[in-house]
Protein backbone atom coordinates (compact mmCIF):
# COMPACT_ATOMS: atom_id res chain seq x y z
CA MET A 1 52.96 62.46 74.51
CA LYS A 2 50.61 62.94 71.58
CA THR A 3 53.55 64.07 69.43
CA ALA A 4 55.48 60.87 70.24
CA VAL A 5 52.48 58.73 69.30
CA ILE A 6 52.05 60.58 66.02
CA ILE A 7 55.74 60.16 65.17
CA TYR A 8 55.53 56.44 66.03
CA VAL A 9 52.50 55.98 63.77
CA ILE A 10 54.15 57.88 60.91
CA ASN A 11 57.37 55.84 61.19
CA ASN A 12 55.45 52.57 61.12
CA PHE A 13 53.42 53.80 58.17
CA LEU A 14 56.60 54.69 56.26
CA LYS A 15 58.11 51.27 57.04
CA SER A 16 54.97 49.63 55.69
CA ILE A 17 55.16 51.71 52.52
CA LYS A 18 58.80 50.70 52.03
CA LYS A 19 57.94 47.01 52.44
CA ILE A 20 55.05 47.28 50.01
CA THR A 21 57.23 49.17 47.50
CA PHE A 22 59.98 46.57 47.77
CA LEU A 23 57.50 43.73 47.36
CA TYR A 24 55.99 45.46 44.33
CA LEU A 25 59.43 45.86 42.74
CA VAL A 26 60.20 42.18 43.29
CA ILE A 27 56.89 41.11 41.76
CA PHE A 28 57.31 43.53 38.85
CA THR A 29 60.86 42.31 38.14
CA VAL A 30 59.74 38.67 38.16
CA TYR A 31 56.80 39.55 35.90
CA VAL A 32 58.99 41.38 33.38
CA SER A 33 61.51 38.54 33.42
CA CYS A 34 58.76 36.01 32.77
CA GLN A 35 57.34 38.13 30.00
CA ASN A 36 60.77 38.43 28.37
CA ASP A 37 61.26 34.67 28.56
CA LYS A 38 57.79 34.16 27.18
CA ASN A 39 58.31 36.57 24.29
CA ASN A 40 61.87 35.53 23.52
CA ALA A 41 61.59 33.74 20.18
CA VAL A 42 65.29 32.80 20.03
CA ASN A 43 65.95 29.22 21.11
CA LEU A 44 69.47 28.25 22.07
CA ILE A 45 70.67 25.14 20.23
CA VAL A 46 74.29 24.88 21.34
CA SER A 47 77.30 26.89 22.45
CA LEU A 48 79.90 26.96 19.70
CA PRO A 49 83.50 25.77 20.24
CA GLN A 50 85.81 28.27 21.91
CA ASN A 51 87.90 28.63 18.75
CA LEU A 52 84.80 29.84 16.88
CA SER A 53 84.23 33.03 18.82
CA GLU A 54 83.78 35.40 15.86
CA VAL A 55 81.46 33.63 13.44
CA SER A 56 80.67 36.12 10.69
CA GLY A 57 78.84 33.96 8.17
CA MET A 58 77.20 30.57 7.88
CA VAL A 59 75.05 28.45 5.61
CA ALA A 60 73.22 25.27 6.57
CA THR A 61 72.74 21.90 4.89
CA ASP A 62 70.73 18.96 6.24
CA SER A 63 73.61 17.63 8.31
CA ILE A 64 76.31 20.33 8.40
CA ILE A 65 76.46 24.05 9.07
CA TRP A 66 79.36 25.70 7.26
CA MET A 67 80.86 28.66 9.14
CA ILE A 68 83.57 31.28 8.65
CA GLU A 69 85.14 33.96 10.83
CA ASP A 70 86.07 37.51 9.93
CA SER A 71 89.33 39.50 9.83
CA GLY A 72 92.08 38.51 12.22
CA ASN A 73 91.11 34.84 12.04
CA LYS A 74 92.37 31.91 10.00
CA SER A 75 91.51 31.21 6.37
CA LYS A 76 89.35 28.22 7.21
CA ILE A 77 85.80 27.02 6.61
CA TYR A 78 84.37 24.93 9.43
CA GLY A 79 81.72 22.26 9.02
CA ILE A 80 79.78 22.14 12.29
CA LYS A 81 77.36 19.39 13.26
CA TYR A 82 74.12 20.40 14.94
CA ASP A 83 75.53 19.28 18.29
CA GLY A 84 78.28 21.92 17.96
CA MET A 85 81.14 19.55 17.11
CA VAL A 86 83.50 20.39 14.26
CA GLU A 87 83.09 17.70 11.61
CA HIS A 88 85.11 19.23 8.74
CA THR A 89 87.76 21.90 8.32
CA ILE A 90 88.69 23.27 4.90
CA LYS A 91 92.01 25.12 4.97
CA LEU A 92 92.52 27.81 2.36
CA ASP A 93 96.16 28.63 3.01
CA ASP A 94 96.61 30.59 -0.22
CA ILE A 95 93.45 32.70 0.23
CA PRO A 96 93.84 35.68 2.60
CA ASN A 97 91.13 36.39 5.12
CA ILE A 98 91.18 40.14 4.68
CA ASP A 99 87.68 40.41 6.11
CA TRP A 100 85.42 37.42 5.44
CA GLU A 101 81.94 38.57 6.36
CA ASP A 102 79.35 36.17 4.96
CA LEU A 103 78.88 32.74 3.40
CA THR A 104 76.34 31.42 0.91
CA ARG A 105 76.00 28.34 -1.29
CA ASP A 106 74.40 26.78 -4.33
CA ASN A 107 73.92 23.04 -4.92
CA ASN A 108 77.63 22.37 -5.37
CA ASN A 109 79.70 25.25 -4.07
CA LEU A 110 80.34 27.55 -1.15
CA TYR A 111 80.96 31.26 -1.68
CA ILE A 112 82.91 33.41 0.77
CA GLY A 113 82.21 37.13 0.80
CA ASP A 114 85.55 38.83 1.44
CA PHE A 115 84.00 42.27 1.34
CA GLY A 116 84.25 43.55 4.89
CA ASN A 117 85.21 47.21 4.49
CA ASN A 118 84.98 48.99 7.82
CA ASP A 119 86.99 52.00 6.66
CA ASN A 120 85.35 52.11 3.21
CA ASP A 121 88.78 52.18 1.56
CA ARG A 122 89.18 48.73 -0.04
CA LYS A 123 89.75 48.25 -3.76
CA ASP A 124 90.23 44.48 -3.53
CA LEU A 125 86.68 43.31 -2.78
CA ALA A 126 86.18 39.65 -3.67
CA ILE A 127 83.96 36.59 -3.51
CA TYR A 128 85.63 33.16 -3.44
CA LYS A 129 84.11 29.98 -4.88
CA ILE A 130 85.02 26.70 -3.15
CA SER A 131 83.92 23.11 -3.71
CA PRO A 132 83.36 21.56 -0.26
CA ASN A 133 83.11 18.07 -1.78
CA ASN A 134 86.48 18.46 -3.51
CA PRO A 135 88.48 21.15 -1.69
CA SER A 136 91.57 20.30 -3.74
CA LEU A 137 90.00 22.02 -6.75
CA PRO A 138 91.38 25.51 -7.46
CA VAL A 139 89.55 28.30 -5.65
CA GLU A 140 87.92 30.70 -8.10
CA LYS A 141 87.84 34.44 -7.45
CA ILE A 142 85.19 36.98 -8.39
CA ASN A 143 86.35 40.59 -8.12
CA PHE A 144 83.99 43.54 -7.96
CA ASN A 145 83.69 47.23 -7.19
CA TYR A 146 80.92 49.68 -6.31
CA PRO A 147 80.63 52.23 -9.18
CA GLU A 148 78.95 54.75 -6.87
CA GLN A 149 81.98 54.92 -4.59
CA THR A 150 84.29 57.66 -5.85
CA HIS A 151 86.42 58.31 -2.75
CA PHE A 152 88.71 55.83 -0.93
CA PRO A 153 87.95 56.07 1.90
CA ALA A 154 84.44 57.32 1.34
CA LYS A 155 83.42 60.60 2.92
CA LYS A 156 82.09 60.32 6.47
CA LYS A 157 78.51 60.94 5.35
CA GLU A 158 78.82 58.42 2.48
CA LYS A 159 80.26 55.35 4.20
CA LEU A 160 77.81 52.92 2.62
CA TYR A 161 80.31 50.44 1.16
CA ASP A 162 81.00 48.02 3.97
CA CYS A 163 79.14 44.72 3.59
CA GLU A 164 78.38 41.75 5.84
CA ALA A 165 75.37 40.23 4.07
CA PHE A 166 74.76 38.41 0.80
CA PHE A 167 73.21 35.34 -0.83
CA ILE A 168 73.11 33.72 -4.25
CA TYR A 169 69.86 33.69 -6.26
CA GLN A 170 69.32 32.82 -9.93
CA ASN A 171 73.06 32.78 -10.70
CA ALA A 172 73.71 36.19 -9.17
CA PHE A 173 74.91 37.49 -5.82
CA TYR A 174 72.83 40.03 -3.93
CA LEU A 175 74.68 42.19 -1.41
CA PHE A 176 73.15 44.36 1.33
CA THR A 177 75.64 46.94 2.53
CA LYS A 178 76.36 47.92 6.11
CA ASN A 179 75.92 51.63 6.71
CA ARG A 180 78.77 53.28 8.64
CA SER A 181 77.92 56.84 7.67
CA LYS A 182 77.99 59.80 10.00
CA GLY A 183 74.35 60.55 10.69
CA PHE A 184 73.28 56.91 10.33
CA ASP A 185 69.73 56.63 8.98
CA GLY A 186 69.43 52.87 8.41
CA THR A 187 69.98 52.91 4.65
CA THR A 188 71.36 49.72 3.11
CA LEU A 189 72.25 49.57 -0.57
CA ILE A 190 71.25 46.47 -2.55
CA TYR A 191 73.76 45.39 -5.19
CA LYS A 192 73.72 42.62 -7.80
CA ILE A 193 76.84 40.85 -9.10
CA PRO A 194 77.01 38.00 -11.68
CA ALA A 195 78.07 34.70 -10.09
CA ILE A 196 80.85 34.14 -12.63
CA VAL A 197 84.59 34.61 -12.44
CA GLY A 198 85.73 38.03 -13.60
CA ASN A 199 85.94 41.69 -12.66
CA HIS A 200 82.50 43.18 -12.18
CA SER A 201 80.97 46.54 -11.45
CA ALA A 202 78.22 45.83 -8.95
CA GLN A 203 74.78 46.96 -10.10
CA LEU A 204 72.82 49.08 -7.64
CA ILE A 205 69.25 47.75 -7.75
CA GLY A 206 67.66 49.30 -4.68
CA LYS A 207 67.86 50.95 -1.29
CA PHE A 208 66.18 49.90 1.92
CA LYS A 209 65.90 51.64 5.29
CA THR A 210 65.78 49.85 8.64
CA CYS A 211 65.83 52.49 11.41
CA ALA A 212 68.06 55.28 12.68
CA ASN A 213 69.50 53.38 15.66
CA TYR A 214 72.93 52.08 14.62
CA ASN A 215 73.22 49.51 17.43
CA SER A 216 69.92 47.92 16.48
CA CYS A 217 69.52 48.47 12.78
CA VAL A 218 72.77 47.75 10.95
CA ILE A 219 72.56 44.77 8.60
CA THR A 220 74.93 41.97 9.64
CA GLY A 221 73.66 39.01 7.62
CA ALA A 222 71.27 37.88 4.90
CA ALA A 223 69.75 34.62 3.71
CA ILE A 224 67.24 33.27 1.20
CA SER A 225 64.96 30.31 1.89
CA PRO A 226 65.37 26.98 0.05
CA ASP A 227 62.16 27.61 -1.91
CA GLU A 228 63.45 31.13 -2.71
CA LYS A 229 60.21 32.74 -1.50
CA LYS A 230 61.56 34.43 1.63
CA ILE A 231 64.54 36.64 2.37
CA VAL A 232 65.73 37.77 5.77
CA LEU A 233 68.12 40.52 6.79
CA LEU A 234 69.69 40.20 10.23
CA GLY A 235 70.27 42.85 12.89
CA HIS A 236 71.40 42.55 16.49
CA LYS A 237 67.85 42.31 17.83
CA ASN A 238 65.53 42.20 14.79
CA ILE A 239 65.13 40.56 11.43
CA TRP A 240 63.50 42.02 8.34
CA LEU A 241 61.44 39.52 6.37
CA PHE A 242 60.81 39.97 2.62
CA GLU A 243 58.00 37.98 0.98
CA GLU A 244 55.80 38.01 -2.14
CA PHE A 245 58.43 39.80 -4.23
CA ASN A 246 58.66 39.67 -8.01
CA ASP A 247 61.82 38.09 -9.44
CA ASP A 248 64.71 40.00 -7.84
CA ASP A 249 62.72 43.14 -7.08
CA PHE A 250 62.84 42.33 -3.38
CA LEU A 251 61.31 45.67 -2.42
CA SER A 252 58.16 44.97 -4.46
CA GLY A 253 56.65 42.56 -1.96
CA LYS A 254 55.70 42.49 1.70
CA ILE A 255 58.38 43.58 4.19
CA THR A 256 57.95 42.89 7.91
CA GLU A 257 60.21 43.86 10.79
CA LEU A 258 60.19 41.11 13.42
CA ALA A 259 61.58 41.56 16.93
CA LEU A 260 63.62 38.70 18.35
CA ASN A 261 63.35 40.04 21.92
CA HIS A 262 66.98 39.04 22.34
CA TYR A 263 69.95 41.38 21.97
CA SER A 264 73.48 40.23 21.17
CA GLN A 265 76.11 40.74 18.49
CA LYS A 266 74.38 38.59 15.89
CA GLU A 267 76.52 38.28 12.77
CA ALA A 268 75.33 35.24 10.79
CA VAL A 269 72.00 33.83 9.61
CA SER A 270 70.92 30.91 7.44
CA PHE A 271 67.66 29.16 6.64
CA LYS A 272 67.49 25.63 8.03
CA ASP A 273 64.29 25.02 6.09
CA ASN A 274 61.56 27.25 4.67
CA ASP A 275 60.44 28.28 8.17
CA LYS A 276 63.33 27.93 10.59
CA LEU A 277 66.35 30.20 10.79
CA LEU A 278 69.73 29.53 12.34
CA ILE A 279 71.46 32.54 13.90
CA ALA A 280 74.96 32.80 15.38
CA ASP A 281 76.38 35.58 17.53
CA GLU A 282 79.95 36.55 18.33
CA ARG A 283 81.39 35.82 21.76
CA THR A 284 82.10 39.01 23.70
CA LYS A 285 83.43 38.47 27.22
CA LYS A 286 80.97 35.97 28.75
CA ARG A 287 78.14 36.66 26.33
CA GLY A 288 77.29 35.08 22.98
CA GLY A 289 79.22 32.51 20.98
CA ASN A 290 76.03 30.52 20.47
CA LEU A 291 73.91 28.96 17.77
CA TYR A 292 70.18 29.69 17.93
CA GLU A 293 67.05 28.60 16.09
CA VAL A 294 64.09 30.84 15.26
CA SER A 295 60.76 30.01 13.65
CA ILE A 296 59.48 32.68 11.25
CA HIS A 297 55.94 31.37 11.70
CA THR A 298 56.24 31.82 15.47
CA LEU A 299 57.70 35.31 15.09
CA LYS A 300 54.90 36.39 12.78
CA SER A 301 52.21 34.99 15.08
CA THR A 302 53.44 37.17 17.96
CA HIS A 303 53.39 40.43 15.95
């Protein structure tokens, strides 16, 4: 009899423990979810049209966001309104989209970076200059090469010559390469190219390390603020902010890694103004394909 009572008490005790454990897990899950929502600095603006599922580069104006897609897509530049509707389409039928990976602009022109180089074997790297106000004007082509690359394709431990990130600053392009090397360590090479038509050898002006996690720390986009005092490099879940630099010695100033607390295949970034960033991610299955807004001031205040 005593044994039966003891067993009954133990069973009830174990049931109580299970209920408490389950309740704790529910509360903990809700708490973590709330914390993630609270810390998530990425604000969804709009879902992009279905035919823009692989946005690889973009640059914003006051009323239009110009966007491109990468290899396998059409040779088109899309002008997107802030509500997600396509306002303009510039067709570049005579310009191949070998691997368009980023977009930048000056006061009058758009520049397409056709320098995607996943296999590190291309010898036809190019930047195209287009007038969005008069698309009938001839497209100008700027060819370049990386002098440090001596093998095509590069050796597995030296695959530093893919690129998805650039901007124009003081009449020159600045490229930040995407590291595809075996034994990834987060190194991105910084190259400078004159913003004039011709064949150029890119000038290596610096190296920067993010982190050793490829999924988190490859560079997929870059942008410079309208006042030219801030630079950002984009990753899938972080940005790297460069400030207080001297001229084009971007590594001379303050560099801050800022967590977005949001993971997706982010491929494009542009400044909307001197504080706010626009970020686009690629659509993969039912995830992504969106345009987001991020405040640098808000990001910095949470770190």
